[in-house]
Amino acid sequence: MSQSQRIVVFDLDVTLTRYDTFLPFVIGYLRYQRKRRSLSLWRLATLLKFWRWGDRTWVKTQVLRAFIGGQPRDRVEAWADRFVEELLQDAMREQGLDQLRRHQQEGARVILASASFDIYVARLAKRLEIEEVLATRAAWNARGRLVGMDGENCRDDEKLRRVKAMADMPDDGRGVTAYSDSHADLPLLSWAENGVAVCPSKRLFHQVGGLGLEVARW
């Protein structure tokens, strides 16, 4: 990386997209495969309650296993290809994509860092011509069946840790611009020289002034 090259880190869900993509991905798989799973409404409601207030790593693993657990890799990846097409057609924030393209045209080093699963995040990044991707990794068994999460959920301090561990990354965040909608990315936004709160959640908005974050309404 040259001394003057800017580094730009984009979150995905509700930053480049208009909504969180994880639940549409896992629930959409059932529609794609025309399958039904024995997950009661009570069970789903309970998981979603924890999704809002509890341990998201545990909840994501449970939801992934409940809807797609044990499914063969080729089927899941086929759905991921189709899901990415759906996202590109009707889920992306146009102003966010314009900002992404502007950075790319200016020669910035662009990184997509998402807590969503690499199954589809990496495919979407490729379509957006983003070469460097950080995402929560899916775990597969020896038979190529989906079994859960591999490693840590790529959010909060873990996302920042992964960004800082990338090659030629400044320790102090100098020369880095980071975009995110979520308070979960406060470690990243605070570390970056230029942190941008995109259509910030209420919890993030309350932190904007104290941390000197820029606000973008896409």
C-alpha atoms as a PDB file:
ATOM      1  CA  MET A   1       0.000   0.000   0.000  1.00  0.00           C
ATOM      2  CA  SER A   2       1.339   3.438  -0.899  1.00  0.00           C
ATOM      3  CA  GLN A   3       1.758   6.086   1.794  1.00  0.00           C
ATOM      4  CA  SER A   4      -1.088   8.180   0.380  1.00  0.00           C
ATOM      5  CA  GLN A   5      -3.567   5.411  -0.410  1.00  0.00           C
ATOM      6  CA  ARG A   6      -6.735   5.649   1.628  1.00  0.00           C
ATOM      7  CA  ILE A   7      -8.191   2.569   3.290  1.00  0.00           C
ATOM      8  CA  VAL A   8     -11.976   2.353   3.328  1.00  0.00           C
ATOM      9  CA  VAL A   9     -13.891  -0.216   5.383  1.00  0.00           C
ATOM     10  CA  PHE A  10     -17.586  -0.792   4.692  1.00  0.00           C
ATOM     11  CA  ASP A  11     -19.984  -2.668   6.923  1.00  0.00           C
ATOM     12  CA  LEU A  12     -22.655  -4.504   4.924  1.00  0.00           C
ATOM     13  CA  ASP A  13     -26.030  -4.844   6.675  1.00  0.00           C
ATOM     14  CA  VAL A  14     -28.034  -1.591   6.810  1.00  0.00           C
ATOM     15  CA  THR A  15     -24.915   0.240   5.617  1.00  0.00           C
ATOM     16  CA  LEU A  16     -24.736  -0.874   1.995  1.00  0.00           C
ATOM     17  CA  THR A  17     -28.053  -2.724   2.193  1.00  0.00           C
ATOM     18  CA  ARG A  18     -31.424  -1.407   3.363  1.00  0.00           C
ATOM     19  CA  TYR A  19     -31.946  -4.234   5.857  1.00  0.00           C
ATOM     20  CA  ASP A  20     -30.168  -6.949   7.776  1.00  0.00           C
ATOM     21  CA  THR A  21     -29.441  -9.848   5.417  1.00  0.00           C
ATOM     22  CA  PHE A  22     -28.880 -12.812   7.736  1.00  0.00           C
ATOM     23  CA  LEU A  23     -32.472 -13.814   8.524  1.00  0.00           C
ATOM     24  CA  PRO A  24     -33.651 -13.341   4.905  1.00  0.00           C
ATOM     25  CA  PHE A  25     -30.803 -15.605   3.843  1.00  0.00           C
ATOM     26  CA  VAL A  26     -31.568 -18.471   6.198  1.00  0.00           C
ATOM     27  CA  ILE A  27     -35.359 -18.259   5.902  1.00  0.00           C
ATOM     28  CA  GLY A  28     -35.126 -17.796   2.143  1.00  0.00           C
ATOM     29  CA  TYR A  29     -33.252 -21.074   1.893  1.00  0.00           C
ATOM     30  CA  LEU A  30     -36.406 -22.904   2.951  1.00  0.00           C
ATOM     31  CA  ARG A  31     -38.381 -21.211   0.198  1.00  0.00           C
ATOM     32  CA  TYR A  32     -35.631 -21.986  -2.285  1.00  0.00           C
ATOM     33  CA  GLN A  33     -35.570 -25.671  -1.316  1.00  0.00           C
ATOM     34  CA  ARG A  34     -39.333 -25.835  -0.659  1.00  0.00           C
ATOM     35  CA  LYS A  35     -38.599 -27.317   2.727  1.00  0.00           C
ATOM     36  CA  ARG A  36     -40.206 -27.013   6.138  1.00  0.00           C
ATOM     37  CA  ARG A  37     -38.339 -27.186   9.393  1.00  0.00           C
ATOM     38  CA  SER A  38     -39.754 -28.014  12.830  1.00  0.00           C
ATOM     39  CA  LEU A  39     -39.017 -24.602  14.295  1.00  0.00           C
ATOM     40  CA  SER A  40     -42.053 -23.350  16.229  1.00  0.00           C
ATOM     41  CA  LEU A  41     -43.130 -19.725  16.250  1.00  0.00           C
ATOM     42  CA  TRP A  42     -42.370 -19.684  19.970  1.00  0.00           C
ATOM     43  CA  ARG A  43     -38.842 -20.920  19.351  1.00  0.00           C
ATOM     44  CA  LEU A  44     -38.262 -18.356  16.622  1.00  0.00           C
ATOM     45  CA  ALA A  45     -39.688 -15.546  18.766  1.00  0.00           C
ATOM     46  CA  THR A  46     -37.402 -16.563  21.610  1.00  0.00           C
ATOM     47  CA  LEU A  47     -34.356 -16.571  19.362  1.00  0.00           C
ATOM     48  CA  LEU A  48     -35.244 -13.164  17.962  1.00  0.00           C
ATOM     49  CA  LYS A  49     -35.604 -11.786  21.488  1.00  0.00           C
ATOM     50  CA  PHE A  50     -32.050 -12.889  22.215  1.00  0.00           C
ATOM     51  CA  TRP A  51     -31.031 -11.486  18.814  1.00  0.00           C
ATOM     52  CA  ARG A  52     -32.023  -8.030  20.018  1.00  0.00           C
ATOM     53  CA  TRP A  53     -30.698  -8.154  23.566  1.00  0.00           C
ATOM     54  CA  GLY A  54     -28.618 -11.271  24.060  1.00  0.00           C
ATOM     55  CA  ASP A  55     -25.582 -13.118  22.776  1.00  0.00           C
ATOM     56  CA  ARG A  56     -25.727 -12.719  19.008  1.00  0.00           C
ATOM     57  CA  THR A  57     -23.046 -15.316  18.411  1.00  0.00           C
ATOM     58  CA  TRP A  58     -25.156 -17.982  20.126  1.00  0.00           C
ATOM     59  CA  VAL A  59     -28.351 -16.817  18.404  1.00  0.00           C
ATOM     60  CA  LYS A  60     -26.785 -16.761  14.930  1.00  0.00           C
ATOM     61  CA  THR A  61     -25.444 -20.260  15.415  1.00  0.00           C
ATOM     62  CA  GLN A  62     -28.815 -21.558  16.628  1.00  0.00           C
ATOM     63  CA  VAL A  63     -30.760 -19.942  13.778  1.00  0.00           C
ATOM     64  CA  LEU A  64     -28.278 -21.160  11.171  1.00  0.00           C
ATOM     65  CA  ARG A  65     -28.468 -24.709  12.488  1.00  0.00           C
ATOM     66  CA  ALA A  66     -32.260 -24.631  12.789  1.00  0.00           C
ATOM     67  CA  PHE A  67     -32.855 -23.571   9.192  1.00  0.00           C
ATOM     68  CA  ILE A  68     -29.841 -24.821   7.229  1.00  0.00           C
ATOM     69  CA  GLY A  69     -27.970 -27.173   9.549  1.00  0.00           C
ATOM     70  CA  GLY A  70     -26.920 -30.407   7.874  1.00  0.00           C
ATOM     71  CA  GLN A  71     -27.553 -29.115   4.369  1.00  0.00           C
ATOM     72  CA  PRO A  72     -25.001 -29.953   1.640  1.00  0.00           C
ATOM     73  CA  ARG A  73     -22.578 -27.253   0.601  1.00  0.00           C
ATOM     74  CA  ASP A  74     -23.504 -27.276  -3.072  1.00  0.00           C
ATOM     75  CA  ARG A  75     -27.170 -26.541  -2.298  1.00  0.00           C
ATOM     76  CA  VAL A  76     -26.342 -23.784   0.167  1.00  0.00           C
ATOM     77  CA  GLU A  77     -23.908 -22.178  -2.249  1.00  0.00           C
ATOM     78  CA  ALA A  78     -26.439 -22.379  -5.089  1.00  0.00           C
ATOM     79  CA  TRP A  79     -28.903 -20.512  -2.883  1.00  0.00           C
ATOM     80  CA  ALA A  80     -26.172 -18.010  -1.961  1.00  0.00           C
ATOM     81  CA  ASP A  81     -25.675 -17.218  -5.649  1.00  0.00           C
ATOM     82  CA  ARG A  82     -29.393 -16.604  -6.090  1.00  0.00           C
ATOM     83  CA  PHE A  83     -29.633 -14.625  -2.847  1.00  0.00           C
ATOM     84  CA  VAL A  84     -26.863 -12.278  -3.946  1.00  0.00           C
ATOM     85  CA  GLU A  85     -28.768 -11.592  -7.164  1.00  0.00           C
ATOM     86  CA  GLU A  86     -31.840 -10.718  -5.085  1.00  0.00           C
ATOM     87  CA  LEU A  87     -29.800  -8.361  -2.914  1.00  0.00           C
ATOM     88  CA  LEU A  88     -28.353  -6.602  -5.937  1.00  0.00           C
ATOM     89  CA  GLN A  89     -31.790  -6.189  -7.454  1.00  0.00           C
ATOM     90  CA  ASP A  90     -33.715  -4.726  -4.532  1.00  0.00           C
ATOM     91  CA  ALA A  91     -31.726  -4.459  -1.286  1.00  0.00           C
ATOM     92  CA  MET A  92     -28.810  -2.126  -1.949  1.00  0.00           C
ATOM     93  CA  ARG A  93     -28.634   1.513  -0.920  1.00  0.00           C
ATOM     94  CA  GLU A  94     -27.937   3.370  -4.175  1.00  0.00           C
ATOM     95  CA  GLN A  95     -26.174   6.245  -2.459  1.00  0.00           C
ATOM     96  CA  GLY A  96     -24.052   3.763  -0.565  1.00  0.00           C
ATOM     97  CA  LEU A  97     -23.067   2.073  -3.810  1.00  0.00           C
ATOM     98  CA  ASP A  98     -22.261   5.466  -5.314  1.00  0.00           C
ATOM     99  CA  GLN A  99     -19.953   6.198  -2.382  1.00  0.00           C
ATOM    100  CA  LEU A 100     -18.342   2.774  -2.753  1.00  0.00           C
ATOM    101  CA  ARG A 101     -17.725   3.327  -6.470  1.00  0.00           C
ATOM    102  CA  ARG A 102     -16.325   6.788  -5.782  1.00  0.00           C
ATOM    103  CA  HIS A 103     -13.742   5.342  -3.406  1.00  0.00           C
ATOM    104  CA  GLN A 104     -12.887   2.614  -5.902  1.00  0.00           C
ATOM    105  CA  GLN A 105     -12.447   5.127  -8.717  1.00  0.00           C
ATOM    106  CA  GLU A 106     -10.170   7.197  -6.499  1.00  0.00           C
ATOM    107  CA  GLY A 107      -7.934   4.159  -6.015  1.00  0.00           C
ATOM    108  CA  ALA A 108      -8.707   3.509  -2.361  1.00  0.00           C
ATOM    109  CA  ARG A 109      -8.124   0.130  -0.787  1.00  0.00           C
ATOM    110  CA  VAL A 110     -11.676  -1.039  -0.089  1.00  0.00           C
ATOM    111  CA  ILE A 111     -12.532  -3.725   2.475  1.00  0.00           C
ATOM    112  CA  LEU A 112     -15.949  -5.247   3.166  1.00  0.00           C
ATOM    113  CA  ALA A 113     -16.184  -6.249   6.842  1.00  0.00           C
ATOM    114  CA  SER A 114     -19.428  -7.935   7.869  1.00  0.00           C
ATOM    115  CA  ALA A 115     -20.857  -9.959  10.719  1.00  0.00           C
ATOM    116  CA  SER A 116     -22.940 -11.858   8.168  1.00  0.00           C
ATOM    117  CA  PHE A 117     -21.736 -15.189   6.849  1.00  0.00           C
ATOM    118  CA  ASP A 118     -19.025 -15.578   4.268  1.00  0.00           C
ATOM    119  CA  ILE A 119     -21.285 -17.973   2.334  1.00  0.00           C
ATOM    120  CA  TYR A 120     -22.884 -15.009   0.580  1.00  0.00           C
ATOM    121  CA  VAL A 121     -20.847 -11.987   1.719  1.00  0.00           C
ATOM    122  CA  ALA A 122     -17.830 -13.090  -0.320  1.00  0.00           C
ATOM    123  CA  ARG A 123     -20.011 -13.577  -3.392  1.00  0.00           C
ATOM    124  CA  LEU A 124     -21.575 -10.150  -3.005  1.00  0.00           C
ATOM    125  CA  ALA A 125     -18.143  -8.577  -2.554  1.00  0.00           C
ATOM    126  CA  LYS A 126     -16.991 -10.149  -5.803  1.00  0.00           C
ATOM    127  CA  ARG A 127     -19.976  -8.681  -7.645  1.00  0.00           C
ATOM    128  CA  LEU A 128     -19.168  -5.281  -6.133  1.00  0.00           C
ATOM    129  CA  GLU A 129     -15.518  -5.661  -7.195  1.00  0.00           C
ATOM    130  CA  ILE A 130     -14.274  -5.633  -3.613  1.00  0.00           C
ATOM    131  CA  GLU A 131     -11.231  -7.858  -3.318  1.00  0.00           C
ATOM    132  CA  GLU A 132     -10.741  -7.917   0.453  1.00  0.00           C
ATOM    133  CA  VAL A 133     -13.488  -9.419   2.612  1.00  0.00           C
ATOM    134  CA  LEU A 134     -13.893 -10.118   6.315  1.00  0.00           C
ATOM    135  CA  ALA A 135     -17.009 -12.009   7.429  1.00  0.00           C
ATOM    136  CA  THR A 136     -18.275 -14.523   9.940  1.00  0.00           C
ATOM    137  CA  ARG A 137     -17.177 -17.921   8.686  1.00  0.00           C
ATOM    138  CA  ALA A 138     -19.512 -20.882   8.243  1.00  0.00           C
ATOM    139  CA  ALA A 139     -18.338 -24.290   9.478  1.00  0.00           C
ATOM    140  CA  TRP A 140     -18.660 -27.435   7.357  1.00  0.00           C
ATOM    141  CA  ASN A 141     -18.071 -31.026   8.402  1.00  0.00           C
ATOM    142  CA  ALA A 142     -16.023 -33.616   6.558  1.00  0.00           C
ATOM    143  CA  ARG A 143     -19.039 -34.558   4.437  1.00  0.00           C
ATOM    144  CA  GLY A 144     -19.535 -30.966   3.289  1.00  0.00           C
ATOM    145  CA  ARG A 145     -22.576 -30.334   5.503  1.00  0.00           C
ATOM    146  CA  LEU A 146     -23.201 -27.029   7.223  1.00  0.00           C
ATOM    147  CA  VAL A 147     -22.759 -27.378  10.987  1.00  0.00           C
ATOM    148  CA  GLY A 148     -22.540 -23.838  12.383  1.00  0.00           C
ATOM    149  CA  MET A 149     -20.036 -21.053  12.870  1.00  0.00           C
ATOM    150  CA  ASP A 150     -16.276 -21.350  12.433  1.00  0.00           C
ATOM    151  CA  GLY A 151     -14.515 -19.096  14.924  1.00  0.00           C
ATOM    152  CA  GLU A 152     -15.835 -15.813  16.296  1.00  0.00           C
ATOM    153  CA  ASN A 153     -18.701 -13.633  15.132  1.00  0.00           C
ATOM    154  CA  CYS A 154     -17.163 -10.822  13.048  1.00  0.00           C
ATOM    155  CA  ARG A 155     -18.580  -7.899  15.022  1.00  0.00           C
ATOM    156  CA  ASP A 156     -17.623  -5.539  17.858  1.00  0.00           C
ATOM    157  CA  ASP A 157     -13.990  -5.892  18.943  1.00  0.00           C
ATOM    158  CA  GLU A 158     -13.574  -9.021  16.814  1.00  0.00           C
ATOM    159  CA  LYS A 159     -14.247  -7.071  13.619  1.00  0.00           C
ATOM    160  CA  LEU A 160     -11.708  -4.434  14.590  1.00  0.00           C
ATOM    161  CA  ARG A 161      -9.189  -7.126  15.502  1.00  0.00           C
ATOM    162  CA  ARG A 162      -9.531  -8.724  12.076  1.00  0.00           C
ATOM    163  CA  VAL A 163      -9.248  -5.380  10.282  1.00  0.00           C
ATOM    164  CA  LYS A 164      -6.105  -4.425  12.227  1.00  0.00           C
ATOM    165  CA  ALA A 165      -4.591  -7.859  11.520  1.00  0.00           C
ATOM    166  CA  MET A 166      -4.751  -7.311   7.755  1.00  0.00           C
ATOM    167  CA  ALA A 167      -1.539  -6.592   5.865  1.00  0.00           C
ATOM    168  CA  ASP A 168      -0.264  -3.007   5.812  1.00  0.00           C
ATOM    169  CA  MET A 169      -2.895  -1.779   8.241  1.00  0.00           C
ATOM    170  CA  PRO A 170      -1.927   1.230  10.405  1.00  0.00           C
ATOM    171  CA  ASP A 171      -2.064   0.581  14.149  1.00  0.00           C
ATOM    172  CA  ASP A 172      -3.556   3.993  14.868  1.00  0.00           C
ATOM    173  CA  GLY A 173      -6.239   4.005  12.149  1.00  0.00           C
ATOM    174  CA  ARG A 174      -4.627   6.913  10.329  1.00  0.00           C
ATOM    175  CA  GLY A 175      -5.734   7.090   6.710  1.00  0.00           C
ATOM    176  CA  VAL A 176      -8.736   4.814   7.377  1.00  0.00           C
ATOM    177  CA  THR A 177     -12.372   5.679   6.709  1.00  0.00           C
ATOM    178  CA  ALA A 178     -15.001   3.316   8.140  1.00  0.00           C
ATOM    179  CA  TYR A 179     -18.741   3.212   7.402  1.00  0.00           C
ATOM    180  CA  SER A 180     -21.323   1.475   9.600  1.00  0.00           C
ATOM    181  CA  ASP A 181     -24.897   1.889  10.837  1.00  0.00           C
ATOM    182  CA  SER A 182     -24.477  -0.030  14.090  1.00  0.00           C
ATOM    183  CA  HIS A 183     -23.270   0.648  17.627  1.00  0.00           C
ATOM    184  CA  ALA A 184     -21.671  -2.809  17.412  1.00  0.00           C
ATOM    185  CA  ASP A 185     -19.057  -1.235  15.155  1.00  0.00           C
ATOM    186  CA  LEU A 186     -18.127   1.528  17.581  1.00  0.00           C
ATOM    187  CA  PRO A 187     -14.675  -0.025  18.108  1.00  0.00           C
ATOM    188  CA  LEU A 188     -14.042   0.200  14.353  1.00  0.00           C
ATOM    189  CA  LEU A 189     -15.605   3.641  13.909  1.00  0.00           C
ATOM    190  CA  SER A 190     -13.696   5.055  16.884  1.00  0.00           C
ATOM    191  CA  TRP A 191     -10.379   3.601  15.707  1.00  0.00           C
ATOM    192  CA  ALA A 192     -10.660   4.867  12.136  1.00  0.00           C
ATOM    193  CA  GLU A 193      -9.400   8.376  11.420  1.00  0.00           C
ATOM    194  CA  ASN A 194     -12.758   9.091   9.782  1.00  0.00           C
ATOM    195  CA  GLY A 195     -15.699   7.175  11.239  1.00  0.00           C
ATOM    196  CA  VAL A 196     -18.999   7.593   9.390  1.00  0.00           C
ATOM    197  CA  ALA A 197     -22.308   6.594  10.991  1.00  0.00           C
ATOM    198  CA  VAL A 198     -24.589   5.612   8.106  1.00  0.00           C
ATOM    199  CA  CYS A 199     -28.303   6.018   8.864  1.00  0.00           C
ATOM    200  CA  PRO A 200     -27.269   5.286  12.464  1.00  0.00           C
ATOM    201  CA  SER A 201     -29.296   3.203  14.855  1.00  0.00           C
ATOM    202  CA  LYS A 202     -30.566   5.001  17.942  1.00  0.00           C
ATOM    203  CA  ARG A 203     -27.820   3.483  20.077  1.00  0.00           C
ATOM    204  CA  LEU A 204     -25.146   4.629  17.648  1.00  0.00           C
ATOM    205  CA  PHE A 205     -26.674   8.067  17.135  1.00  0.00           C
ATOM    206  CA  HIS A 206     -26.321   8.832  20.847  1.00  0.00           C
ATOM    207  CA  GLN A 207     -22.568   8.225  20.519  1.00  0.00           C
ATOM    208  CA  VAL A 208     -21.980  10.342  17.418  1.00  0.00           C
ATOM    209  CA  GLY A 209     -21.357  13.712  19.057  1.00  0.00           C
ATOM    210  CA  GLY A 210     -19.045  12.471  21.795  1.00  0.00           C
ATOM    211  CA  LEU A 211     -16.880  10.538  19.374  1.00  0.00           C
ATOM    212  CA  GLY A 212     -16.837  13.126  16.604  1.00  0.00           C
ATOM    213  CA  LEU A 213     -18.326  10.782  14.033  1.00  0.00           C
ATOM    214  CA  GLU A 214     -19.660  12.015  10.728  1.00  0.00           C
ATOM    215  CA  VAL A 215     -23.288  11.127   9.909  1.00  0.00           C
ATOM    216  CA  ALA A 216     -24.396  10.057   6.427  1.00  0.00           C
ATOM    217  CA  ARG A 217     -28.033   9.607   5.404  1.00  0.00           C
ATOM    218  CA  TRP A 218     -28.175   7.212   2.459  1.00  0.00           C
END
